[in-house]
Amino acid sequence: MRPIALTIAGSDPSGGAGIQADLKTFHQHGVYGTAVITLLTAQSTRGVTRVDVCAPDLVLAQLDTLLDDLAPCAAKTGALGSAAVVRAIASRAARFAFPLVVDPVMISKHGAPLLDEDARGAVAGELMPVAALFTPNAHEASALTGIDVRTREDARRAARALVERGARAALVKGGHVEGDPVDVLATRDGALIEIGGERIDTPHTHGTGCTYSAAIAAHLAMGATLEDAIRSAKVWLTEALRSAPGIGHGVGPVDHFSRVPTP
């Protein structure tokens, strides 16, 4: 049977981020994608003009219905929108028998806030500890730890701090860090692993966080180890950035048609 991967995230009608990007990524990696919608947005490559968060009971109705019939081999979260939705997902995630990747989406690529302070606290205190992997970018890691993440050493400190605060594994992404885009993975067993990559000179980075975490979840669904899943996803995302289609009149999406390298 083809592995199933689940995304719990917001809708991006432009197709570059959110559940649309996640489902494209799952399909490209050969896993069957299912989706729980947490919020609706009006957005394009130019920006976000509206965000409507779904009621927690509707989110849970979607999730429970799927889990009863199409049990995933891995899942990921993206934009959740409110503290109530975060807590609802966390209550179910504590009993998941499959790995969960949490991308703590706090702000859109265009600067629109997607989580308030209460919701950020719920992500850190309730959702992060039940995730197999927590994947903040530098700005999100800074907001959650109080460490100003500018350099690779800052990223190391932040990754360790997130584990100390309850994460099973934390991947502080290096896209907004000085120098090469090196991601830093810290785990509860004390490991600190740096995953290198090439910085691609492109303005088209819409949905990179969503796409990266979805690719990691896809590899986990196929049975990869956590480190291997991250490394494989990083290689694919780099190529997806390199071949970004350049569509839209703002910050365009990455290339979800990019070929997935064979192991």
Protein backbone atom coordinates (compact mmCIF):
# COMPACT_ATOMS: atom_id res chain seq x y z
CA MET A 1 0.00 0.00 0.00
CA ARG A 2 1.12 3.54 -0.72
CA PRO A 3 2.04 5.40 2.51
CA ILE A 4 -0.34 8.12 3.68
CA ALA A 5 0.85 11.50 4.93
CA LEU A 6 -1.43 14.04 6.62
CA THR A 7 -1.18 17.82 6.63
CA ILE A 8 -2.99 19.92 9.24
CA ALA A 9 -2.64 23.45 7.98
CA GLY A 10 -4.17 26.54 6.40
CA SER A 11 -5.29 27.06 2.83
CA ASP A 12 -3.27 29.19 0.43
CA PRO A 13 -5.32 29.79 -2.73
CA SER A 14 -2.18 30.82 -4.62
CA GLY A 15 -0.92 27.25 -4.23
CA GLY A 16 2.56 28.12 -3.01
CA ALA A 17 2.17 27.41 0.69
CA GLY A 18 -0.21 25.74 3.13
CA ILE A 19 -2.15 22.60 2.37
CA GLN A 20 -1.85 23.15 -1.37
CA ALA A 21 1.94 23.10 -1.22
CA ASP A 22 1.91 20.20 1.23
CA LEU A 23 -0.30 18.03 -0.97
CA LYS A 24 1.83 18.80 -4.04
CA THR A 25 4.92 17.84 -2.06
CA PHE A 26 3.36 14.60 -0.83
CA HIS A 27 2.33 13.67 -4.37
CA GLN A 28 5.77 14.42 -5.79
CA HIS A 29 7.35 12.18 -3.14
CA GLY A 30 5.02 9.29 -3.92
CA VAL A 31 2.86 9.34 -0.78
CA TYR A 32 -0.89 9.75 -0.62
CA GLY A 33 -1.83 13.07 0.94
CA THR A 34 -4.77 13.87 3.20
CA ALA A 35 -5.54 17.27 4.70
CA VAL A 36 -7.25 18.96 7.63
CA ILE A 37 -7.93 22.66 6.99
CA THR A 38 -7.34 24.94 9.97
CA LEU A 39 -7.82 28.35 8.39
CA LEU A 40 -8.71 30.04 5.13
CA THR A 41 -6.74 32.89 3.64
CA ALA A 42 -7.16 35.35 0.81
CA GLN A 43 -3.65 35.66 -0.57
CA SER A 44 -1.48 35.66 -3.65
CA THR A 45 2.23 36.03 -4.31
CA ARG A 46 1.74 39.72 -3.49
CA GLY A 47 0.44 39.28 0.04
CA VAL A 48 -2.27 38.19 2.47
CA THR A 49 -5.49 40.21 2.67
CA ARG A 50 -7.64 38.06 4.94
CA VAL A 51 -7.34 35.16 7.42
CA ASP A 52 -10.36 33.28 8.82
CA VAL A 53 -9.60 30.60 11.42
CA CYS A 54 -11.77 27.48 11.55
CA ALA A 55 -13.63 26.55 14.73
CA PRO A 56 -11.73 23.96 16.82
CA ASP A 57 -14.62 21.49 16.70
CA LEU A 58 -14.62 21.62 12.89
CA VAL A 59 -10.87 21.02 12.82
CA LEU A 60 -11.23 18.03 15.14
CA ALA A 61 -14.18 16.68 13.16
CA GLN A 62 -12.00 16.64 10.05
CA LEU A 63 -9.11 15.04 11.91
CA ASP A 64 -11.12 12.37 13.72
CA THR A 65 -12.97 11.40 10.55
CA LEU A 66 -9.68 10.93 8.69
CA LEU A 67 -7.97 9.02 11.49
CA ASP A 68 -10.89 6.60 11.62
CA ASP A 69 -10.44 5.65 7.97
CA LEU A 70 -7.12 6.81 6.50
CA ALA A 71 -4.53 6.46 9.23
CA PRO A 72 -1.34 8.27 8.19
CA CYS A 73 2.21 7.00 8.50
CA ALA A 74 3.33 10.57 9.33
CA ALA A 75 1.78 14.01 9.68
CA LYS A 76 2.74 17.67 9.78
CA THR A 77 1.19 20.87 11.00
CA GLY A 78 1.43 24.31 9.46
CA ALA A 79 -0.54 27.44 10.24
CA LEU A 80 -3.03 26.71 13.02
CA GLY A 81 -4.37 30.19 13.62
CA SER A 82 -5.53 30.21 17.24
CA ALA A 83 -4.65 28.90 20.67
CA ALA A 84 -7.89 26.90 20.73
CA VAL A 85 -6.99 25.10 17.50
CA VAL A 86 -3.42 24.50 18.70
CA ARG A 87 -4.69 22.96 21.94
CA ALA A 88 -7.24 20.83 20.11
CA ILE A 89 -4.55 19.40 17.80
CA ALA A 90 -2.15 18.89 20.71
CA SER A 91 -4.78 16.89 22.59
CA ARG A 92 -5.03 14.45 19.70
CA ALA A 93 -1.32 14.47 18.83
CA ALA A 94 -0.42 13.21 22.30
CA ARG A 95 -1.97 9.89 21.22
CA PHE A 96 -0.65 9.72 17.66
CA ALA A 97 1.02 6.42 16.81
CA PHE A 98 2.94 8.09 13.96
CA PRO A 99 5.53 10.88 13.84
CA LEU A 100 4.34 14.48 13.74
CA VAL A 101 6.40 17.32 12.25
CA VAL A 102 5.41 20.73 13.66
CA ASP A 103 6.21 23.78 11.57
CA PRO A 104 5.36 26.66 13.96
CA VAL A 105 4.04 29.05 11.33
CA MET A 106 3.79 32.40 13.11
CA ILE A 107 3.93 34.89 10.28
CA SER A 108 3.37 34.71 6.53
CA LYS A 109 6.13 35.33 3.99
CA HIS A 110 4.57 38.76 3.48
CA GLY A 111 4.53 39.66 7.18
CA ALA A 112 0.90 38.87 8.05
CA PRO A 113 0.60 37.51 11.63
CA LEU A 114 -0.83 33.98 11.78
CA LEU A 115 -0.48 33.30 15.54
CA ASP A 116 -1.12 35.59 18.51
CA GLU A 117 0.86 35.47 21.77
CA ASP A 118 -1.52 33.03 23.47
CA ALA A 119 -1.32 30.67 20.51
CA ARG A 120 2.49 30.87 20.48
CA GLY A 121 2.49 29.82 24.11
CA ALA A 122 0.23 26.87 23.31
CA VAL A 123 2.52 25.80 20.46
CA ALA A 124 5.59 25.87 22.71
CA GLY A 125 3.96 24.43 25.81
CA GLU A 126 1.51 21.87 24.42
CA LEU A 127 2.20 21.02 20.78
CA MET A 128 6.00 21.12 20.63
CA PRO A 129 6.50 18.41 23.31
CA VAL A 130 4.34 15.86 21.44
CA ALA A 131 6.03 16.38 18.06
CA ALA A 132 8.72 14.11 16.67
CA LEU A 133 10.30 17.20 15.10
CA PHE A 134 9.88 20.96 15.61
CA THR A 135 11.04 23.08 12.66
CA PRO A 136 11.23 26.84 13.40
CA ASN A 137 13.05 29.30 11.20
CA ALA A 138 15.44 31.77 12.78
CA HIS A 139 12.73 34.35 13.50
CA GLU A 140 10.43 31.78 15.10
CA ALA A 141 13.26 30.28 17.14
CA SER A 142 14.14 33.78 18.36
CA ALA A 143 10.53 34.47 19.39
CA LEU A 144 10.26 31.16 21.25
CA THR A 145 13.63 31.19 23.03
CA GLY A 146 14.54 34.85 23.43
CA ILE A 147 17.82 34.16 21.60
CA ASP A 148 18.51 36.54 18.73
CA VAL A 149 19.28 33.96 16.04
CA ARG A 150 21.61 35.59 13.52
CA THR A 151 24.60 33.23 13.31
CA ARG A 152 25.09 29.49 13.22
CA GLU A 153 26.22 29.53 16.85
CA ASP A 154 22.98 31.34 17.75
CA ALA A 155 21.08 28.59 15.92
CA ARG A 156 22.92 25.93 17.91
CA ARG A 157 22.02 27.66 21.17
CA ALA A 158 18.40 28.05 20.13
CA ALA A 159 18.07 24.41 19.04
CA ARG A 160 19.46 23.24 22.37
CA ALA A 161 17.16 25.65 24.22
CA LEU A 162 14.09 24.30 22.44
CA VAL A 163 15.00 20.75 23.44
CA GLU A 164 15.52 21.91 27.01
CA ARG A 165 12.04 23.42 26.87
CA GLY A 166 10.39 20.19 25.82
CA ALA A 167 11.04 19.47 22.14
CA ARG A 168 11.99 15.89 21.33
CA ALA A 169 13.99 17.20 18.37
CA ALA A 170 14.34 20.77 17.11
CA LEU A 171 15.53 21.81 13.66
CA VAL A 172 16.44 25.49 13.52
CA LYS A 173 16.46 26.31 9.82
CA GLY A 174 19.29 28.37 8.39
CA GLY A 175 17.60 30.29 5.61
CA HIS A 176 17.66 33.54 7.61
CA VAL A 177 21.04 32.90 9.27
CA GLU A 178 24.30 34.49 8.13
CA GLY A 179 26.46 32.49 5.74
CA ASP A 180 25.47 29.20 4.14
CA PRO A 181 21.94 27.96 4.96
CA VAL A 182 22.95 25.33 7.51
CA ASP A 183 20.09 23.80 9.52
CA VAL A 184 20.87 22.76 13.09
CA LEU A 185 19.20 19.66 14.54
CA ALA A 186 19.23 19.10 18.32
CA THR A 187 17.76 16.00 19.95
CA ARG A 188 17.00 14.86 23.48
CA ASP A 189 19.92 12.45 23.47
CA GLY A 190 22.30 15.41 23.27
CA ALA A 191 23.09 15.18 19.57
CA LEU A 192 23.73 18.38 17.64
CA ILE A 193 23.80 17.81 13.89
CA GLU A 194 24.44 20.40 11.19
CA ILE A 195 22.78 19.83 7.83
CA GLY A 196 24.37 21.94 5.14
CA GLY A 197 22.98 23.28 1.94
CA GLU A 198 23.49 25.73 -0.89
CA ARG A 199 22.02 29.22 -0.75
CA ILE A 200 20.03 29.77 -3.93
CA ASP A 201 19.81 33.36 -5.15
CA THR A 202 16.10 33.67 -5.85
CA PRO A 203 13.28 35.95 -4.70
CA HIS A 204 10.83 33.06 -5.09
CA THR A 205 10.71 31.55 -1.61
CA HIS A 206 6.98 31.50 -0.89
CA GLY A 207 6.07 28.35 1.00
CA THR A 208 9.59 27.07 1.66
CA GLY A 209 8.85 26.22 5.30
CA CYS A 210 5.62 24.42 4.44
CA THR A 211 7.26 22.55 1.59
CA TYR A 212 10.32 21.55 3.62
CA SER A 213 8.31 20.18 6.54
CA ALA A 214 5.97 18.36 4.15
CA ALA A 215 8.93 16.72 2.41
CA ILE A 216 10.32 15.63 5.79
CA ALA A 217 6.93 14.16 6.71
CA ALA A 218 6.75 12.36 3.36
CA HIS A 219 10.12 10.70 3.95
CA LEU A 220 9.11 9.75 7.49
CA ALA A 221 5.92 8.21 6.08
CA MET A 222 8.11 6.09 3.81
CA GLY A 223 10.08 4.83 6.81
CA ALA A 224 13.19 7.03 6.76
CA THR A 225 15.01 7.90 9.97
CA LEU A 226 14.60 11.46 11.19
CA GLU A 227 18.06 12.60 10.10
CA ASP A 228 17.78 10.91 6.70
CA ALA A 229 14.33 12.42 6.17
CA ILE A 230 15.67 15.90 6.88
CA ARG A 231 18.73 15.48 4.65
CA SER A 232 16.67 14.14 1.73
CA ALA A 233 14.07 16.89 2.10
CA LYS A 234 16.81 19.54 2.20
CA VAL A 235 18.36 18.30 -1.05
CA TRP A 236 14.99 18.32 -2.80
CA LEU A 237 14.02 21.76 -1.49
CA THR A 238 17.32 23.22 -2.72
CA GLU A 239 16.54 22.02 -6.23
CA ALA A 240 12.95 23.26 -5.94
CA LEU A 241 14.31 26.71 -5.11
CA ARG A 242 16.82 26.53 -7.96
CA SER A 243 14.09 25.76 -10.50
CA ALA A 244 11.39 28.04 -9.06
CA PRO A 245 8.94 28.80 -11.90
CA GLY A 246 8.88 32.56 -11.33
CA ILE A 247 5.10 32.88 -11.53
CA GLY A 248 3.10 35.69 -10.00
CA HIS A 249 3.99 39.34 -9.47
CA GLY A 250 5.38 39.03 -5.94
CA VAL A 251 7.20 36.37 -3.93
CA GLY A 252 6.61 33.31 -6.08
CA PRO A 253 6.52 29.64 -5.08
CA VAL A 254 9.21 27.00 -5.29
CA ASP A 255 9.08 24.31 -7.97
CA HIS A 256 6.92 21.49 -6.59
CA PHE A 257 7.54 19.59 -9.84
CA SER A 258 11.24 19.31 -9.00
CA ARG A 259 12.44 15.72 -9.32
CA VAL A 260 12.94 13.84 -6.07
CA PRO A 261 16.48 12.38 -6.05
CA THR A 262 16.68 8.61 -5.72
CA PRO A 263 18.47 7.38 -2.57
